[in-house]
Protein backbone atom coordinates (compact mmCIF):
# COMPACT_ATOMS: atom_id res chain seq x y z
CA UNK A 1 -0.28 0.53 0.23
CA UNK A 2 3.29 2.49 0.73
CA UNK A 3 4.22 2.24 -2.89
CA UNK A 4 0.32 2.70 -4.19
CA UNK A 5 0.36 5.83 -2.21
CA UNK A 6 3.97 7.44 -2.68
CA UNK A 7 3.26 6.40 -6.53
CA UNK A 8 0.03 8.53 -6.30
CA UNK A 9 1.38 11.70 -5.28
CA UNK A 10 4.46 11.54 -7.15
CA UNK A 11 1.99 11.51 -9.95
CA UNK A 12 -0.43 14.22 -8.41
CA UNK A 13 2.71 16.60 -8.22
CA UNK A 14 4.27 16.11 -11.77
CA UNK A 15 2.43 18.90 -13.19
CA UNK A 16 3.55 21.35 -10.89
CA UNK A 17 7.05 19.94 -10.78
CA UNK A 18 7.03 20.44 -14.68
CA UNK A 19 6.05 24.49 -14.37
CA UNK A 20 8.54 24.58 -11.58
CA UNK A 21 11.00 22.78 -14.07
CA UNK A 22 10.37 25.11 -16.99
CA UNK A 23 11.01 27.84 -15.32
CA UNK A 24 14.45 27.00 -13.94
CA UNK A 25 15.38 26.09 -17.60
CA UNK A 26 12.84 28.03 -19.53
CA UNK A 27 13.32 25.11 -22.43
CA UNK A 28 10.72 22.83 -22.62
CA UNK A 29 12.72 19.81 -23.39
CA UNK A 30 15.23 20.92 -20.52
CA UNK A 31 12.27 21.04 -18.30
CA UNK A 32 11.08 17.18 -19.44
CA UNK A 33 14.42 16.09 -19.03
CA UNK A 34 14.97 17.42 -15.25
CA UNK A 35 11.14 16.06 -14.25
CA UNK A 36 12.07 12.68 -15.39
CA UNK A 37 15.48 12.79 -13.67
CA UNK A 38 13.67 14.37 -10.92
CA UNK A 39 11.13 11.52 -10.64
CA UNK A 40 13.78 8.67 -11.03
CA UNK A 41 15.68 10.19 -8.00
CA UNK A 42 12.12 10.46 -5.92
CA UNK A 43 11.78 6.76 -7.01
CA UNK A 44 14.81 5.34 -6.08
CA UNK A 45 14.55 7.38 -2.80
CA UNK A 46 10.24 5.58 -2.28
CA UNK A 47 11.52 3.62 0.62
CA UNK A 48 12.08 6.91 2.92
CA UNK A 49 8.49 7.85 2.39
CA UNK A 50 6.22 8.17 4.80
CA UNK A 51 2.39 8.28 4.01
CA UNK A 52 0.35 11.22 4.76
CA UNK A 53 3.16 13.47 5.21
CA UNK A 54 3.89 16.60 3.13
CA UNK A 55 4.99 15.23 0.05
CA UNK A 56 5.72 18.74 -1.85
CA UNK A 57 7.89 19.33 1.32
């Protein structure tokens, strides 16, 4: 259940992360690359996730 909750939270912030990445890079391709790298790092650290906490923080 922890994994499903984590993935749901991660998917839920993808659009916001992409907007933020675009603000940082001002390039769509770079923003998409940054989002992908960030998502992979989040998935690699899924074991540190605590459900029902501020996922963005």
